[in-house]
Amino acid sequence: MTVRVLVAEDQELVRGGLCHIIDRQDGMRVVAEAADGEQAVAAALGHRPDVVLMDVRMPGVDGVAALERLRGAAPEPFPAVIMLTTFDLDEYVLAALAGGAVGYLLKSIPPEALAAAVRTAAAGGSVLSPDVSARLATRLAAAVPASSGVAPERLDGFTDLDREVLVLVAHGLSNAQIAARLGCTEVTVKSRVARVLTKLGVDNRVQAAMVAYESGMVRLGLP
């Protein structure tokens, strides 16, 4: 199956480069381009891409506002939105992750890593590199007092295994890495992660990780 991609980026040169990278991949093609958030929403609704590469900062309607509009208008299945930024971790990106983006990438990402990220997003995964996960964890840990936490009912019904999986997800481990930690198959891990997301009532691994940090289940450092 061909992964259909929408590229939303206001800088024409950068947008052209992203499109070139996507179009030269096997099983992947750009179905539409957009120069601002308003165009991105219209293109997403019109072309129904599998993945949207969305620049965070664009003139007029920015990437975060476009994501919010798209969430309110797009029919199911909702496209996987990856935010693109020049900056490591700004408030726009944090807002986008909380709003349902599956991850974010720096524009300096190597072409092969960008292609891999698009495939991961299309398959239902989240896109956060280990260094980005660490920066996100640092920001969340600094923003949330140690005594605070999400409502206890959000974690009701969690088994010890569910909690262990959530902690590993929050530390940015892939399904393969979690499988190695737990001594099971990647298929089993995928099922367990899906169960954790359902119990938390979140859309993706990034939002699950944010719950883990906000609840105090996870602190900085290696799992």
N, C-alpha and C. Protein backbone atom coordinates (compact mmCIF):
# COMPACT_ATOMS: atom_id res chain seq x y z
N MET A 1 0.84 -1.19 0.00
CA MET A 1 0.00 0.00 0.00
C MET A 1 0.88 1.25 0.00
N THR A 2 0.53 2.21 -0.82
CA THR A 2 1.28 3.45 -0.90
C THR A 2 0.87 4.40 0.22
N VAL A 3 1.85 4.96 0.92
CA VAL A 3 1.59 5.93 1.97
C VAL A 3 1.42 7.30 1.32
N ARG A 4 0.28 7.91 1.53
CA ARG A 4 -0.05 9.20 0.93
C ARG A 4 0.31 10.31 1.92
N VAL A 5 1.10 11.28 1.46
CA VAL A 5 1.66 12.29 2.35
C VAL A 5 1.28 13.70 1.89
N LEU A 6 0.90 14.53 2.85
CA LEU A 6 0.69 15.96 2.63
C LEU A 6 1.84 16.71 3.29
N VAL A 7 2.48 17.62 2.56
CA VAL A 7 3.58 18.41 3.10
C VAL A 7 3.13 19.85 3.25
N ALA A 8 3.07 20.34 4.49
CA ALA A 8 2.67 21.71 4.78
C ALA A 8 3.88 22.47 5.34
N GLU A 9 4.42 23.38 4.54
CA GLU A 9 5.64 24.12 4.89
C GLU A 9 5.63 25.43 4.11
N ASP A 10 5.83 26.56 4.82
CA ASP A 10 5.71 27.85 4.14
C ASP A 10 6.94 28.21 3.32
N GLN A 11 8.10 27.68 3.63
CA GLN A 11 9.30 27.98 2.85
C GLN A 11 9.36 27.05 1.63
N GLU A 12 9.27 27.65 0.46
CA GLU A 12 9.16 26.86 -0.76
C GLU A 12 10.35 25.92 -0.96
N LEU A 13 11.55 26.39 -0.65
CA LEU A 13 12.74 25.58 -0.84
C LEU A 13 12.72 24.35 0.08
N VAL A 14 12.35 24.59 1.33
CA VAL A 14 12.27 23.48 2.29
C VAL A 14 11.16 22.51 1.89
N ARG A 15 10.03 23.06 1.50
CA ARG A 15 8.90 22.22 1.09
C ARG A 15 9.28 21.34 -0.11
N GLY A 16 9.98 21.94 -1.06
CA GLY A 16 10.41 21.18 -2.23
C GLY A 16 11.35 20.06 -1.86
N GLY A 17 12.24 20.32 -0.90
CA GLY A 17 13.17 19.29 -0.46
C GLY A 17 12.46 18.14 0.22
N LEU A 18 11.48 18.46 1.07
CA LEU A 18 10.71 17.42 1.75
C LEU A 18 9.93 16.58 0.75
N CYS A 19 9.33 17.24 -0.23
CA CYS A 19 8.57 16.51 -1.25
C CYS A 19 9.48 15.59 -2.06
N HIS A 20 10.67 16.08 -2.37
CA HIS A 20 11.62 15.26 -3.13
C HIS A 20 12.00 14.00 -2.36
N ILE A 21 12.25 14.16 -1.07
CA ILE A 21 12.62 13.01 -0.24
C ILE A 21 11.49 11.98 -0.22
N ILE A 22 10.27 12.46 -0.04
CA ILE A 22 9.12 11.54 0.05
C ILE A 22 8.88 10.85 -1.29
N ASP A 23 8.89 11.59 -2.36
CA ASP A 23 8.53 11.03 -3.66
C ASP A 23 9.56 10.02 -4.19
N ARG A 24 10.77 10.07 -3.70
CA ARG A 24 11.75 9.11 -4.18
C ARG A 24 11.75 7.81 -3.38
N GLN A 25 10.89 7.71 -2.37
CA GLN A 25 10.79 6.50 -1.57
C GLN A 25 9.85 5.50 -2.22
N ASP A 26 10.17 4.22 -2.10
CA ASP A 26 9.26 3.19 -2.57
C ASP A 26 8.03 3.15 -1.66
N GLY A 27 6.86 3.05 -2.27
CA GLY A 27 5.64 2.94 -1.49
C GLY A 27 5.23 4.20 -0.76
N MET A 28 5.61 5.35 -1.31
CA MET A 28 5.32 6.61 -0.64
C MET A 28 5.23 7.71 -1.69
N ARG A 29 4.23 8.60 -1.57
CA ARG A 29 4.16 9.71 -2.52
C ARG A 29 3.46 10.92 -1.90
N VAL A 30 3.83 12.09 -2.37
CA VAL A 30 3.20 13.33 -1.93
C VAL A 30 1.92 13.52 -2.73
N VAL A 31 0.80 13.68 -2.05
CA VAL A 31 -0.48 13.87 -2.74
C VAL A 31 -0.90 15.33 -2.76
N ALA A 32 -0.28 16.16 -1.91
CA ALA A 32 -0.63 17.58 -1.88
C ALA A 32 0.42 18.36 -1.12
N GLU A 33 0.49 19.66 -1.42
CA GLU A 33 1.39 20.57 -0.71
C GLU A 33 0.57 21.75 -0.18
N ALA A 34 1.09 22.40 0.86
CA ALA A 34 0.42 23.57 1.42
C ALA A 34 1.47 24.54 1.94
N ALA A 35 1.20 25.84 1.80
CA ALA A 35 2.14 26.87 2.22
C ALA A 35 1.74 27.52 3.54
N ASP A 36 0.57 27.18 4.08
CA ASP A 36 0.17 27.69 5.38
C ASP A 36 -0.87 26.74 5.97
N GLY A 37 -1.27 27.03 7.20
CA GLY A 37 -2.18 26.13 7.88
C GLY A 37 -3.55 26.03 7.24
N GLU A 38 -4.05 27.14 6.73
CA GLU A 38 -5.37 27.11 6.10
C GLU A 38 -5.37 26.21 4.87
N GLN A 39 -4.32 26.34 4.06
CA GLN A 39 -4.19 25.47 2.90
C GLN A 39 -4.02 24.01 3.32
N ALA A 40 -3.31 23.80 4.42
CA ALA A 40 -3.07 22.44 4.89
C ALA A 40 -4.37 21.74 5.28
N VAL A 41 -5.24 22.45 5.97
CA VAL A 41 -6.53 21.87 6.37
C VAL A 41 -7.35 21.53 5.14
N ALA A 42 -7.43 22.46 4.19
CA ALA A 42 -8.20 22.22 2.97
C ALA A 42 -7.64 21.04 2.19
N ALA A 43 -6.31 20.97 2.09
CA ALA A 43 -5.68 19.88 1.34
C ALA A 43 -5.89 18.54 2.03
N ALA A 44 -5.83 18.53 3.36
CA ALA A 44 -6.03 17.29 4.11
C ALA A 44 -7.45 16.78 3.94
N LEU A 45 -8.42 17.68 3.96
CA LEU A 45 -9.81 17.28 3.79
C LEU A 45 -10.09 16.83 2.36
N GLY A 46 -9.40 17.45 1.41
CA GLY A 46 -9.64 17.13 0.01
C GLY A 46 -8.93 15.88 -0.48
N HIS A 47 -7.72 15.65 0.06
CA HIS A 47 -6.90 14.54 -0.46
C HIS A 47 -6.82 13.33 0.47
N ARG A 48 -7.26 13.48 1.72
CA ARG A 48 -7.28 12.39 2.69
C ARG A 48 -5.93 11.66 2.79
N PRO A 49 -4.84 12.38 3.11
CA PRO A 49 -3.53 11.74 3.22
C PRO A 49 -3.47 10.81 4.43
N ASP A 50 -2.51 9.89 4.41
CA ASP A 50 -2.26 9.02 5.55
C ASP A 50 -1.43 9.74 6.60
N VAL A 51 -0.49 10.58 6.12
CA VAL A 51 0.43 11.30 7.00
C VAL A 51 0.51 12.75 6.56
N VAL A 52 0.54 13.66 7.54
CA VAL A 52 0.74 15.08 7.26
C VAL A 52 2.03 15.52 7.93
N LEU A 53 2.96 16.06 7.14
CA LEU A 53 4.15 16.71 7.68
C LEU A 53 3.82 18.19 7.80
N MET A 54 3.70 18.68 9.03
CA MET A 54 3.17 20.03 9.28
C MET A 54 4.21 20.92 9.96
N ASP A 55 4.59 22.00 9.29
CA ASP A 55 5.48 22.98 9.90
C ASP A 55 4.75 23.63 11.08
N VAL A 56 5.47 23.83 12.17
CA VAL A 56 4.86 24.43 13.35
C VAL A 56 4.54 25.90 13.13
N ARG A 57 5.51 26.63 12.60
CA ARG A 57 5.35 28.08 12.46
C ARG A 57 5.15 28.43 10.99
N MET A 58 3.94 28.86 10.67
CA MET A 58 3.61 29.29 9.32
C MET A 58 2.81 30.58 9.43
N PRO A 59 2.83 31.41 8.38
CA PRO A 59 2.08 32.68 8.43
C PRO A 59 0.57 32.42 8.45
N GLY A 60 -0.16 33.34 9.07
CA GLY A 60 -1.61 33.18 9.14
C GLY A 60 -1.96 32.10 10.14
N VAL A 61 -2.50 31.01 9.65
CA VAL A 61 -2.85 29.87 10.50
C VAL A 61 -1.62 28.99 10.67
N ASP A 62 -1.11 28.89 11.92
CA ASP A 62 0.10 28.10 12.12
C ASP A 62 -0.24 26.62 12.23
N GLY A 63 0.80 25.80 12.41
CA GLY A 63 0.61 24.37 12.42
C GLY A 63 -0.27 23.86 13.55
N VAL A 64 -0.13 24.44 14.73
CA VAL A 64 -0.92 24.01 15.88
C VAL A 64 -2.40 24.33 15.65
N ALA A 65 -2.69 25.53 15.17
CA ALA A 65 -4.07 25.91 14.90
C ALA A 65 -4.66 25.05 13.78
N ALA A 66 -3.83 24.73 12.79
CA ALA A 66 -4.29 23.88 11.69
C ALA A 66 -4.63 22.49 12.20
N LEU A 67 -3.81 21.96 13.10
CA LEU A 67 -4.08 20.64 13.68
C LEU A 67 -5.42 20.66 14.42
N GLU A 68 -5.66 21.72 15.19
CA GLU A 68 -6.91 21.83 15.94
C GLU A 68 -8.11 21.87 14.99
N ARG A 69 -7.99 22.66 13.92
CA ARG A 69 -9.08 22.74 12.95
C ARG A 69 -9.31 21.40 12.28
N LEU A 70 -8.22 20.72 11.94
CA LEU A 70 -8.32 19.44 11.27
C LEU A 70 -8.98 18.40 12.17
N ARG A 71 -8.62 18.42 13.45
CA ARG A 71 -9.22 17.48 14.40
C ARG A 71 -10.73 17.66 14.48
N GLY A 72 -11.18 18.90 14.29
CA GLY A 72 -12.60 19.16 14.39
C GLY A 72 -13.38 18.91 13.11
N ALA A 73 -12.65 18.78 11.99
CA ALA A 73 -13.35 18.68 10.70
C ALA A 73 -13.11 17.38 9.94
N ALA A 74 -11.97 16.74 10.18
CA ALA A 74 -11.61 15.57 9.37
C ALA A 74 -12.40 14.34 9.79
N PRO A 75 -12.90 13.58 8.83
CA PRO A 75 -13.58 12.32 9.16
C PRO A 75 -12.55 11.25 9.52
N GLU A 76 -13.02 10.17 10.13
CA GLU A 76 -12.13 9.05 10.44
C GLU A 76 -11.81 8.30 9.14
N PRO A 77 -10.64 7.69 8.98
CA PRO A 77 -9.54 7.74 9.94
C PRO A 77 -8.78 9.06 9.85
N PHE A 78 -8.40 9.60 11.00
CA PHE A 78 -7.69 10.87 11.06
C PHE A 78 -6.24 10.65 10.62
N PRO A 79 -5.68 11.55 9.79
CA PRO A 79 -4.30 11.35 9.36
C PRO A 79 -3.31 11.51 10.52
N ALA A 80 -2.20 10.82 10.40
CA ALA A 80 -1.13 10.95 11.40
C ALA A 80 -0.39 12.24 11.12
N VAL A 81 -0.36 13.15 12.08
CA VAL A 81 0.27 14.46 11.88
C VAL A 81 1.61 14.50 12.61
N ILE A 82 2.67 14.76 11.85
CA ILE A 82 4.01 14.94 12.40
C ILE A 82 4.36 16.41 12.28
N MET A 83 4.69 17.03 13.40
CA MET A 83 5.06 18.44 13.38
C MET A 83 6.53 18.59 13.04
N LEU A 84 6.84 19.59 12.23
CA LEU A 84 8.20 19.90 11.85
C LEU A 84 8.61 21.23 12.46
N THR A 85 9.83 21.30 12.98
CA THR A 85 10.28 22.54 13.60
C THR A 85 11.79 22.71 13.44
N THR A 86 12.21 23.96 13.49
CA THR A 86 13.64 24.27 13.47
C THR A 86 14.20 24.20 14.88
N PHE A 87 13.31 24.30 15.87
CA PHE A 87 13.72 24.38 17.26
C PHE A 87 13.49 23.06 17.97
N ASP A 88 14.35 22.77 18.95
CA ASP A 88 14.29 21.49 19.65
C ASP A 88 12.96 21.25 20.36
N LEU A 89 12.52 22.25 21.11
CA LEU A 89 11.32 22.03 21.92
C LEU A 89 10.69 23.38 22.26
N ASP A 90 9.71 23.79 21.48
CA ASP A 90 9.04 25.05 21.80
C ASP A 90 7.61 24.78 22.24
N GLU A 91 6.96 25.80 22.75
CA GLU A 91 5.62 25.63 23.30
C GLU A 91 4.61 25.22 22.22
N TYR A 92 4.86 25.65 20.98
CA TYR A 92 3.97 25.24 19.90
C TYR A 92 3.95 23.72 19.76
N VAL A 93 5.12 23.12 19.81
CA VAL A 93 5.21 21.69 19.62
C VAL A 93 4.57 20.94 20.78
N LEU A 94 4.80 21.41 22.01
CA LEU A 94 4.17 20.78 23.16
C LEU A 94 2.65 20.83 23.04
N ALA A 95 2.13 21.95 22.59
CA ALA A 95 0.69 22.08 22.41
C ALA A 95 0.20 21.12 21.33
N ALA A 96 0.99 20.96 20.27
CA ALA A 96 0.61 20.06 19.19
C ALA A 96 0.58 18.61 19.65
N LEU A 97 1.57 18.21 20.44
CA LEU A 97 1.60 16.85 20.95
C LEU A 97 0.40 16.58 21.84
N ALA A 98 0.07 17.55 22.69
CA ALA A 98 -1.10 17.39 23.55
C ALA A 98 -2.38 17.35 22.73
N GLY A 99 -2.34 17.98 21.56
CA GLY A 99 -3.54 18.05 20.72
C GLY A 99 -3.71 16.89 19.77
N GLY A 100 -2.78 15.94 19.78
CA GLY A 100 -2.98 14.75 18.97
C GLY A 100 -1.95 14.48 17.91
N ALA A 101 -0.92 15.34 17.76
CA ALA A 101 0.14 15.02 16.80
C ALA A 101 0.87 13.76 17.27
N VAL A 102 1.32 12.95 16.33
CA VAL A 102 1.98 11.69 16.70
C VAL A 102 3.46 11.88 17.02
N GLY A 103 3.95 13.10 16.87
CA GLY A 103 5.35 13.35 17.19
C GLY A 103 5.84 14.61 16.51
N TYR A 104 7.15 14.84 16.63
CA TYR A 104 7.72 15.95 15.88
C TYR A 104 9.16 15.68 15.52
N LEU A 105 9.57 16.34 14.44
CA LEU A 105 10.90 16.15 13.89
C LEU A 105 11.56 17.51 13.70
N LEU A 106 12.87 17.53 13.86
CA LEU A 106 13.63 18.72 13.48
C LEU A 106 13.84 18.71 11.97
N LYS A 107 13.86 19.89 11.38
CA LYS A 107 14.02 19.96 9.93
C LYS A 107 15.40 19.52 9.46
N SER A 108 16.31 19.37 10.38
CA SER A 108 17.66 18.89 10.05
C SER A 108 17.73 17.37 9.97
N ILE A 109 16.62 16.68 10.12
CA ILE A 109 16.60 15.22 10.12
C ILE A 109 17.14 14.67 8.80
N PRO A 110 17.96 13.63 8.82
CA PRO A 110 18.46 13.03 7.58
C PRO A 110 17.31 12.45 6.75
N PRO A 111 17.46 12.43 5.44
CA PRO A 111 16.38 11.94 4.57
C PRO A 111 15.89 10.54 4.92
N GLU A 112 16.83 9.62 5.20
CA GLU A 112 16.41 8.26 5.49
C GLU A 112 15.62 8.18 6.80
N ALA A 113 15.97 9.04 7.76
CA ALA A 113 15.24 9.06 9.03
C ALA A 113 13.85 9.65 8.84
N LEU A 114 13.73 10.65 7.97
CA LEU A 114 12.42 11.24 7.68
C LEU A 114 11.51 10.19 7.06
N ALA A 115 12.03 9.44 6.09
CA ALA A 115 11.23 8.41 5.44
C ALA A 115 10.79 7.35 6.44
N ALA A 116 11.70 6.96 7.33
CA ALA A 116 11.37 5.96 8.34
C ALA A 116 10.29 6.49 9.29
N ALA A 117 10.37 7.77 9.63
CA ALA A 117 9.39 8.37 10.52
C ALA A 117 8.00 8.38 9.88
N VAL A 118 7.95 8.68 8.61
CA VAL A 118 6.66 8.69 7.90
C VAL A 118 6.06 7.30 7.89
N ARG A 119 6.88 6.29 7.65
CA ARG A 119 6.38 4.91 7.66
C ARG A 119 5.88 4.52 9.05
N THR A 120 6.62 4.92 10.06
CA THR A 120 6.21 4.62 11.44
C THR A 120 4.87 5.26 11.76
N ALA A 121 4.72 6.52 11.39
CA ALA A 121 3.47 7.23 11.64
C ALA A 121 2.31 6.59 10.88
N ALA A 122 2.55 6.21 9.64
CA ALA A 122 1.50 5.59 8.83
C ALA A 122 1.05 4.26 9.43
N ALA A 123 1.98 3.59 10.12
CA ALA A 123 1.67 2.29 10.72
C ALA A 123 1.05 2.42 12.11
N GLY A 124 0.84 3.66 12.55
CA GLY A 124 0.20 3.87 13.84
C GLY A 124 1.14 4.15 14.99
N GLY A 125 2.43 4.33 14.69
CA GLY A 125 3.41 4.59 15.73
C GLY A 125 3.61 6.07 15.98
N SER A 126 4.39 6.39 17.00
CA SER A 126 4.75 7.77 17.32
C SER A 126 6.19 8.03 16.94
N VAL A 127 6.50 9.28 16.67
CA VAL A 127 7.81 9.63 16.15
C VAL A 127 8.50 10.58 17.13
N LEU A 128 9.29 10.02 18.01
CA LEU A 128 10.10 10.80 18.95
C LEU A 128 11.46 10.12 19.07
N SER A 129 12.50 10.82 18.70
CA SER A 129 13.84 10.27 18.86
C SER A 129 14.21 10.29 20.34
N PRO A 130 15.15 9.45 20.78
CA PRO A 130 15.52 9.41 22.20
C PRO A 130 15.91 10.75 22.78
N ASP A 131 16.67 11.58 22.02
CA ASP A 131 17.09 12.86 22.56
C ASP A 131 15.91 13.81 22.72
N VAL A 132 14.97 13.72 21.78
CA VAL A 132 13.78 14.55 21.87
C VAL A 132 12.92 14.10 23.04
N SER A 133 12.81 12.79 23.25
CA SER A 133 12.05 12.27 24.39
C SER A 133 12.63 12.80 25.70
N ALA A 134 13.96 12.84 25.78
CA ALA A 134 14.60 13.32 27.00
C ALA A 134 14.30 14.79 27.23
N ARG A 135 14.31 15.59 26.17
CA ARG A 135 14.01 17.02 26.31
C ARG A 135 12.55 17.22 26.73
N LEU A 136 11.67 16.42 26.15
CA LEU A 136 10.26 16.51 26.52
C LEU A 136 10.07 16.14 27.98
N ALA A 137 10.75 15.09 28.40
CA ALA A 137 10.65 14.66 29.79
C ALA A 137 11.14 15.75 30.74
N THR A 138 12.24 16.39 30.37
CA THR A 138 12.79 17.45 31.20
C THR A 138 11.80 18.60 31.35
N ARG A 139 11.19 18.99 30.24
CA ARG A 139 10.22 20.09 30.27
C ARG A 139 9.01 19.74 31.12
N LEU A 140 8.49 18.53 30.95
CA LEU A 140 7.32 18.11 31.71
C LEU A 140 7.64 18.00 33.20
N ALA A 141 8.81 17.43 33.51
CA ALA A 141 9.20 17.26 34.90
C ALA A 141 9.35 18.61 35.59
N ALA A 142 9.85 19.59 34.84
CA ALA A 142 10.05 20.92 35.42
C ALA A 142 8.71 21.65 35.60
N ALA A 143 7.76 21.32 34.72
CA ALA A 143 6.49 22.04 34.73
C ALA A 143 5.49 21.48 35.73
N VAL A 144 5.68 20.21 36.12
CA VAL A 144 4.71 19.55 36.98
C VAL A 144 5.30 19.32 38.36
N PRO A 145 4.74 19.87 39.43
CA PRO A 145 5.26 19.64 40.77
C PRO A 145 5.24 18.16 41.13
N ALA A 146 6.17 17.75 41.97
CA ALA A 146 6.29 16.33 42.33
C ALA A 146 5.03 15.82 43.00
N SER A 147 4.29 16.68 43.68
CA SER A 147 3.11 16.24 44.40
C SER A 147 1.86 16.17 43.54
N SER A 148 1.95 16.66 42.31
CA SER A 148 0.75 16.69 41.48
C SER A 148 0.59 15.38 40.74
N GLY A 149 -0.55 15.23 40.10
CA GLY A 149 -0.77 14.01 39.33
C GLY A 149 -2.12 14.06 38.65
N VAL A 150 -2.27 13.22 37.65
CA VAL A 150 -3.55 13.16 36.98
C VAL A 150 -4.56 12.52 37.90
N ALA A 151 -5.81 12.69 37.57
CA ALA A 151 -6.86 12.10 38.40
C ALA A 151 -6.63 10.61 38.54
N PRO A 152 -6.67 10.07 39.77
CA PRO A 152 -6.39 8.66 40.00
C PRO A 152 -7.22 7.73 39.13
N GLU A 153 -8.46 8.15 38.80
CA GLU A 153 -9.31 7.26 38.02
C GLU A 153 -8.76 6.97 36.63
N ARG A 154 -7.87 7.82 36.12
CA ARG A 154 -7.28 7.57 34.81
C ARG A 154 -6.40 6.34 34.83
N LEU A 155 -5.91 5.98 36.01
CA LEU A 155 -5.05 4.82 36.13
C LEU A 155 -5.78 3.64 36.77
N ASP A 156 -7.07 3.80 37.01
CA ASP A 156 -7.85 2.70 37.57
C ASP A 156 -7.82 1.52 36.61
N GLY A 157 -7.71 0.33 37.16
CA GLY A 157 -7.72 -0.87 36.33
C GLY A 157 -6.38 -1.20 35.72
N PHE A 158 -5.36 -0.39 35.99
CA PHE A 158 -4.03 -0.67 35.47
C PHE A 158 -3.39 -1.82 36.27
N THR A 159 -2.93 -2.83 35.53
CA THR A 159 -2.18 -3.91 36.16
C THR A 159 -0.72 -3.48 36.30
N ASP A 160 0.05 -4.26 37.02
CA ASP A 160 1.48 -3.97 37.13
C ASP A 160 2.14 -3.98 35.76
N LEU A 161 1.69 -4.89 34.89
CA LEU A 161 2.25 -4.96 33.54
C LEU A 161 1.88 -3.73 32.73
N ASP A 162 0.63 -3.26 32.87
CA ASP A 162 0.22 -2.04 32.18
C ASP A 162 1.11 -0.86 32.59
N ARG A 163 1.36 -0.75 33.88
CA ARG A 163 2.20 0.34 34.39
C ARG A 163 3.63 0.23 33.85
N GLU A 164 4.14 -0.99 33.79
CA GLU A 164 5.50 -1.18 33.29
C GLU A 164 5.58 -0.78 31.83
N VAL A 165 4.58 -1.17 31.05
CA VAL A 165 4.56 -0.81 29.63
C VAL A 165 4.48 0.70 29.48
N LEU A 166 3.62 1.36 30.26
CA LEU A 166 3.48 2.81 30.18
C LEU A 166 4.79 3.51 30.50
N VAL A 167 5.50 3.04 31.51
CA VAL A 167 6.78 3.65 31.87
C VAL A 167 7.79 3.51 30.73
N LEU A 168 7.84 2.36 30.11
CA LEU A 168 8.77 2.14 29.00
C LEU A 168 8.40 2.99 27.80
N VAL A 169 7.12 3.13 27.53
CA VAL A 169 6.67 4.01 26.45
C VAL A 169 7.07 5.45 26.75
N ALA A 170 6.90 5.87 27.98
CA ALA A 170 7.23 7.24 28.37
C ALA A 170 8.71 7.55 28.22
N HIS A 171 9.54 6.53 28.34
CA HIS A 171 10.98 6.73 28.15
C HIS A 171 11.38 6.64 26.69
N GLY A 172 10.42 6.51 25.79
CA GLY A 172 10.70 6.55 24.37
C GLY A 172 11.17 5.25 23.76
N LEU A 173 10.99 4.13 24.44
CA LEU A 173 11.44 2.85 23.89
C LEU A 173 10.50 2.40 22.77
N SER A 174 11.09 1.79 21.76
CA SER A 174 10.32 1.25 20.64
C SER A 174 9.67 -0.07 21.05
N ASN A 175 8.79 -0.58 20.21
CA ASN A 175 8.17 -1.87 20.49
C ASN A 175 9.22 -2.97 20.60
N ALA A 176 10.23 -2.92 19.74
CA ALA A 176 11.28 -3.93 19.77
C ALA A 176 12.06 -3.87 21.08
N GLN A 177 12.36 -2.65 21.53
CA GLN A 177 13.09 -2.50 22.79
C GLN A 177 12.25 -2.94 23.98
N ILE A 178 10.96 -2.63 23.95
CA ILE A 178 10.08 -3.06 25.04
C ILE A 178 9.97 -4.58 25.05
N ALA A 179 9.86 -5.17 23.87
CA ALA A 179 9.78 -6.63 23.78
C ALA A 179 11.01 -7.28 24.38
N ALA A 180 12.19 -6.69 24.13
CA ALA A 180 13.43 -7.23 24.69
C ALA A 180 13.43 -7.12 26.21
N ARG A 181 12.90 -6.00 26.72
CA ARG A 181 12.84 -5.80 28.18
C ARG A 181 11.90 -6.81 28.84
N LEU A 182 10.76 -7.05 28.19
CA LEU A 182 9.72 -7.88 28.80
C LEU A 182 9.84 -9.36 28.44
N GLY A 183 10.70 -9.66 27.47
CA GLY A 183 10.86 -11.05 27.06
C GLY A 183 9.67 -11.60 26.31
N CYS A 184 9.08 -10.77 25.44
CA CYS A 184 7.93 -11.22 24.65
C CYS A 184 8.10 -10.76 23.21
N THR A 185 7.12 -11.00 22.36
CA THR A 185 7.21 -10.63 20.96
C THR A 185 6.75 -9.18 20.75
N GLU A 186 7.13 -8.62 19.60
CA GLU A 186 6.70 -7.26 19.27
C GLU A 186 5.18 -7.21 19.07
N VAL A 187 4.61 -8.29 18.55
CA VAL A 187 3.16 -8.34 18.37
C VAL A 187 2.45 -8.23 19.71
N THR A 188 2.99 -8.93 20.72
CA THR A 188 2.41 -8.85 22.06
C THR A 188 2.54 -7.44 22.62
N VAL A 189 3.70 -6.82 22.42
CA VAL A 189 3.90 -5.46 22.90
C VAL A 189 2.92 -4.50 22.23
N LYS A 190 2.75 -4.64 20.94
CA LYS A 190 1.83 -3.76 20.22
C LYS A 190 0.43 -3.85 20.82
N SER A 191 0.00 -5.06 21.14
CA SER A 191 -1.31 -5.27 21.75
C SER A 191 -1.39 -4.63 23.14
N ARG A 192 -0.31 -4.79 23.92
CA ARG A 192 -0.31 -4.24 25.27
C ARG A 192 -0.28 -2.72 25.26
N VAL A 193 0.47 -2.14 24.32
CA VAL A 193 0.51 -0.68 24.21
C VAL A 193 -0.88 -0.15 23.82
N ALA A 194 -1.51 -0.83 22.87
CA ALA A 194 -2.85 -0.41 22.45
C ALA A 194 -3.82 -0.45 23.63
N ARG A 195 -3.70 -1.46 24.50
CA ARG A 195 -4.57 -1.57 25.67
C ARG A 195 -4.33 -0.42 26.64
N VAL A 196 -3.06 -0.04 26.82
CA VAL A 196 -2.73 1.08 27.70
C VAL A 196 -3.32 2.38 27.17
N LEU A 197 -3.19 2.60 25.85
CA LEU A 197 -3.75 3.82 25.26
C LEU A 197 -5.26 3.88 25.46
N THR A 198 -5.91 2.74 25.27
CA THR A 198 -7.36 2.69 25.43
C THR A 198 -7.75 3.00 26.88
N LYS A 199 -7.05 2.40 27.83
CA LYS A 199 -7.37 2.63 29.24
C LYS A 199 -7.16 4.09 29.63
N LEU A 200 -6.15 4.74 29.05
CA LEU A 200 -5.89 6.14 29.36
C LEU A 200 -6.82 7.08 28.61
N GLY A 201 -7.42 6.59 27.53
CA GLY A 201 -8.28 7.44 26.72
C GLY A 201 -7.49 8.43 25.89
N VAL A 202 -6.30 8.03 25.41
CA VAL A 202 -5.46 8.91 24.60
C VAL A 202 -5.31 8.31 23.20
N ASP A 203 -4.82 9.14 22.28
CA ASP A 203 -4.74 8.72 20.88
C ASP A 203 -3.42 8.07 20.50
N ASN A 204 -2.34 8.42 21.21
CA ASN A 204 -1.04 7.93 20.77
C ASN A 204 -0.06 7.83 21.93
N ARG A 205 1.14 7.32 21.63
CA ARG A 205 2.16 7.06 22.65
C ARG A 205 2.67 8.35 23.27
N VAL A 206 2.72 9.42 22.47
CA VAL A 206 3.22 10.68 23.00
C VAL A 206 2.30 11.20 24.10
N GLN A 207 1.00 11.15 23.86
CA GLN A 207 0.05 11.58 24.88
C GLN A 207 0.11 10.68 26.11
N ALA A 208 0.32 9.37 25.89
CA ALA A 208 0.47 8.45 27.01
C ALA A 208 1.69 8.81 27.84
N ALA A 209 2.78 9.15 27.17
CA ALA A 209 3.99 9.55 27.89
C ALA A 209 3.77 10.80 28.71
N MET A 210 3.03 11.74 28.17
CA MET A 210 2.74 12.97 28.90
C MET A 210 1.93 12.67 30.16
N VAL A 211 0.98 11.73 30.07
CA VAL A 211 0.21 11.34 31.25
C VAL A 211 1.13 10.72 32.29
N ALA A 212 2.06 9.88 31.84
CA ALA A 212 2.97 9.20 32.77
C ALA A 212 3.81 10.21 33.54
N TYR A 213 4.31 11.24 32.86
CA TYR A 213 5.11 12.25 33.55
C TYR A 213 4.26 13.13 34.44
N GLU A 214 3.08 13.50 33.93
CA GLU A 214 2.21 14.38 34.72
C GLU A 214 1.69 13.68 35.97
N SER A 215 1.55 12.36 35.92
CA SER A 215 1.03 11.63 37.06
C SER A 215 2.09 11.33 38.10
N GLY A 216 3.36 11.56 37.76
CA GLY A 216 4.44 11.25 38.68
C GLY A 216 4.91 9.81 38.61
N MET A 217 4.36 9.02 37.66
CA MET A 217 4.79 7.64 37.50
C MET A 217 6.22 7.54 37.01
N VAL A 218 6.65 8.56 36.25
CA VAL A 218 7.97 8.53 35.61
C VAL A 218 8.74 9.78 36.00
N ARG A 219 9.98 9.61 36.32
CA ARG A 219 10.91 10.71 36.58
C ARG A 219 12.05 10.62 35.58
N LEU A 220 12.90 11.63 35.57
CA LEU A 220 14.02 11.65 34.64
C LEU A 220 14.97 10.50 34.92
N GLY A 221 15.64 10.07 33.85
CA GLY A 221 16.62 8.98 34.00
C GLY A 221 16.21 7.78 33.20
N LEU A 222 17.07 6.79 33.13
CA LEU A 222 16.81 5.59 32.35
C LEU A 222 15.78 4.73 33.04
N PRO A 223 14.93 4.04 32.27
CA PRO A 223 13.93 3.16 32.84
C PRO A 223 14.56 1.91 33.42
